[in-house]
């Protein structure tokens, strides 16, 4: 029951973050919101959540993480704390508010989970990249 309640809270946080506008963001405004992401290979961190939570890309693509939150985040591959599943994600690493960075080229067909190393239990800051 506690797990379901936690998942509901995480979903509500992501929904609120993805439905908000740049003016409702607690962080620096990049002019980008979850509804205006430039492409299907970009994640936005805002209101202590990430959106979208999943993207599907073709092999060889890089993914961009934009920190539009008011605090630092450190995006790394699963599992925590080893970060060994998809080391290309670890190139994003530490993002101060307003910063963005890309993963390395994701060349292997697979699903790559990621999380915020600084807040690894927050499900709203976890996601998946599917490489086809």
Protein backbone atom coordinates (compact mmCIF):
# COMPACT_ATOMS: atom_id res chain seq x y z
CA UNK A 1 0.00 0.00 0.00
CA UNK A 2 2.86 2.38 0.82
CA UNK A 3 4.40 1.64 -2.57
CA UNK A 4 1.17 2.59 -4.35
CA UNK A 5 0.93 5.80 -2.35
CA UNK A 6 4.55 6.65 -3.20
CA UNK A 7 3.94 5.96 -6.87
CA UNK A 8 0.85 8.19 -6.82
CA UNK A 9 2.86 11.04 -5.28
CA UNK A 10 5.63 10.61 -7.87
CA UNK A 11 3.11 10.56 -10.72
CA UNK A 12 1.44 13.69 -9.38
CA UNK A 13 4.82 15.45 -9.20
CA UNK A 14 5.70 14.52 -12.78
CA UNK A 15 2.24 15.47 -14.03
CA UNK A 16 2.47 18.84 -12.30
CA UNK A 17 5.97 19.45 -13.63
CA UNK A 18 5.11 18.46 -17.17
CA UNK A 19 1.88 20.41 -17.23
CA UNK A 20 3.36 23.62 -15.88
CA UNK A 21 4.68 26.58 -17.74
CA UNK A 22 8.08 28.21 -17.53
CA UNK A 23 6.63 30.92 -15.30
CA UNK A 24 5.54 28.30 -12.73
CA UNK A 25 9.01 26.77 -12.60
CA UNK A 26 10.98 27.21 -9.41
CA UNK A 27 14.24 27.37 -11.32
CA UNK A 28 15.83 29.47 -13.99
CA UNK A 29 13.71 29.81 -17.10
CA UNK A 30 15.19 28.44 -20.30
CA UNK A 31 11.95 29.21 -22.12
CA UNK A 32 11.37 25.47 -22.49
CA UNK A 33 8.56 23.64 -20.75
CA UNK A 34 7.54 20.01 -20.83
CA UNK A 35 4.92 20.83 -23.44
CA UNK A 36 7.42 22.69 -25.66
CA UNK A 37 10.39 20.32 -25.65
CA UNK A 38 12.29 20.71 -28.92
CA UNK A 39 12.35 17.00 -29.82
CA UNK A 40 11.80 13.45 -28.59
CA UNK A 41 15.37 13.12 -27.29
CA UNK A 42 15.33 15.77 -24.57
CA UNK A 43 14.53 15.47 -20.87
CA UNK A 44 13.59 18.52 -18.80
CA UNK A 45 14.17 18.66 -15.05
CA UNK A 46 11.71 21.05 -13.41
CA UNK A 47 9.92 21.20 -10.04
CA UNK A 48 12.06 18.29 -8.74
CA UNK A 49 10.79 15.96 -11.47
CA UNK A 50 11.78 14.90 -14.97
CA UNK A 51 9.66 14.89 -18.09
CA UNK A 52 9.05 13.00 -20.12
CA UNK A 53 9.95 9.93 -18.08
CA UNK A 54 10.74 7.82 -21.17
CA UNK A 55 12.07 8.43 -24.66
CA UNK A 56 12.70 6.07 -27.55
CA UNK A 57 15.62 6.83 -29.85
CA UNK A 58 17.53 5.19 -32.68
CA UNK A 59 21.01 3.75 -32.18
CA UNK A 60 23.81 6.29 -32.20
CA UNK A 61 21.67 9.14 -30.83
CA UNK A 62 22.58 11.39 -27.93
CA UNK A 63 19.99 12.54 -25.40
CA UNK A 64 19.94 16.00 -23.81
CA UNK A 65 19.11 16.75 -20.16
CA UNK A 66 18.12 20.35 -19.31
CA UNK A 67 18.06 21.44 -15.66
CA UNK A 68 15.33 24.07 -15.40
CA UNK A 69 14.97 23.44 -11.67
CA UNK A 70 16.11 25.64 -8.81
CA UNK A 71 18.62 23.07 -7.51
CA UNK A 72 21.45 20.91 -8.80
CA UNK A 73 20.85 17.39 -10.11
CA UNK A 74 23.26 14.63 -11.06
CA UNK A 75 21.90 12.31 -13.74
CA UNK A 76 23.46 8.86 -13.88
CA UNK A 77 22.76 5.40 -15.27
CA UNK A 78 21.19 2.69 -13.14
CA UNK A 79 21.82 0.88 -10.90
CA UNK A 80 22.57 3.19 -8.00
CA UNK A 81 25.32 3.67 -6.89
CA UNK A 82 27.36 1.72 -9.48
CA UNK A 83 25.99 3.51 -12.59
CA UNK A 84 27.16 0.70 -14.87
CA UNK A 85 24.15 -0.23 -17.05
CA UNK A 86 24.54 2.55 -19.64
CA UNK A 87 27.74 4.50 -18.94
CA UNK A 88 26.97 6.93 -21.80
CA UNK A 89 24.34 8.53 -19.53
CA UNK A 90 26.99 9.25 -16.90
CA UNK A 91 28.46 11.90 -19.23
CA UNK A 92 25.52 14.12 -18.23
CA UNK A 93 26.59 14.04 -14.58
CA UNK A 94 26.23 17.16 -12.42
CA UNK A 95 23.91 19.89 -13.70
CA UNK A 96 23.58 23.21 -11.92
CA UNK A 97 20.34 25.16 -12.44
CA UNK A 98 20.16 26.39 -16.03
CA UNK A 99 22.74 23.93 -17.38
CA UNK A 100 22.21 21.27 -20.01
CA UNK A 101 24.38 18.40 -21.20
CA UNK A 102 24.17 15.44 -23.56
CA UNK A 103 24.77 11.76 -23.04
CA UNK A 104 27.38 9.98 -25.09
CA UNK A 105 26.25 8.18 -28.25
CA UNK A 106 23.84 5.44 -27.23
CA UNK A 107 24.85 2.69 -29.67
CA UNK A 108 23.59 -0.57 -28.14
CA UNK A 109 19.96 -1.65 -28.56
CA UNK A 110 18.58 -1.85 -24.99
CA UNK A 111 16.66 0.03 -22.32
CA UNK A 112 18.67 2.30 -20.07
CA UNK A 113 17.29 3.39 -16.72
CA UNK A 114 18.61 6.55 -15.08
CA UNK A 115 18.19 8.49 -11.84
CA UNK A 116 19.34 11.60 -9.99
CA UNK A 117 22.33 10.41 -7.95
CA UNK A 118 21.78 13.26 -5.47
CA UNK A 119 18.18 12.13 -4.85
CA UNK A 120 18.18 8.48 -5.90
CA UNK A 121 14.97 7.54 -4.06
CA UNK A 122 12.85 10.19 -5.81
CA UNK A 123 10.89 8.26 -8.48
CA UNK A 124 9.94 11.56 -10.14
CA UNK A 125 13.63 11.96 -11.05
CA UNK A 126 13.95 8.51 -12.66
CA UNK A 127 13.38 7.53 -16.26
CA UNK A 128 14.20 5.27 -19.15
CA UNK A 129 15.84 5.66 -22.56
CA UNK A 130 14.92 2.91 -25.02
CA UNK A 131 17.43 2.47 -27.86
CA UNK A 132 16.14 0.76 -31.01
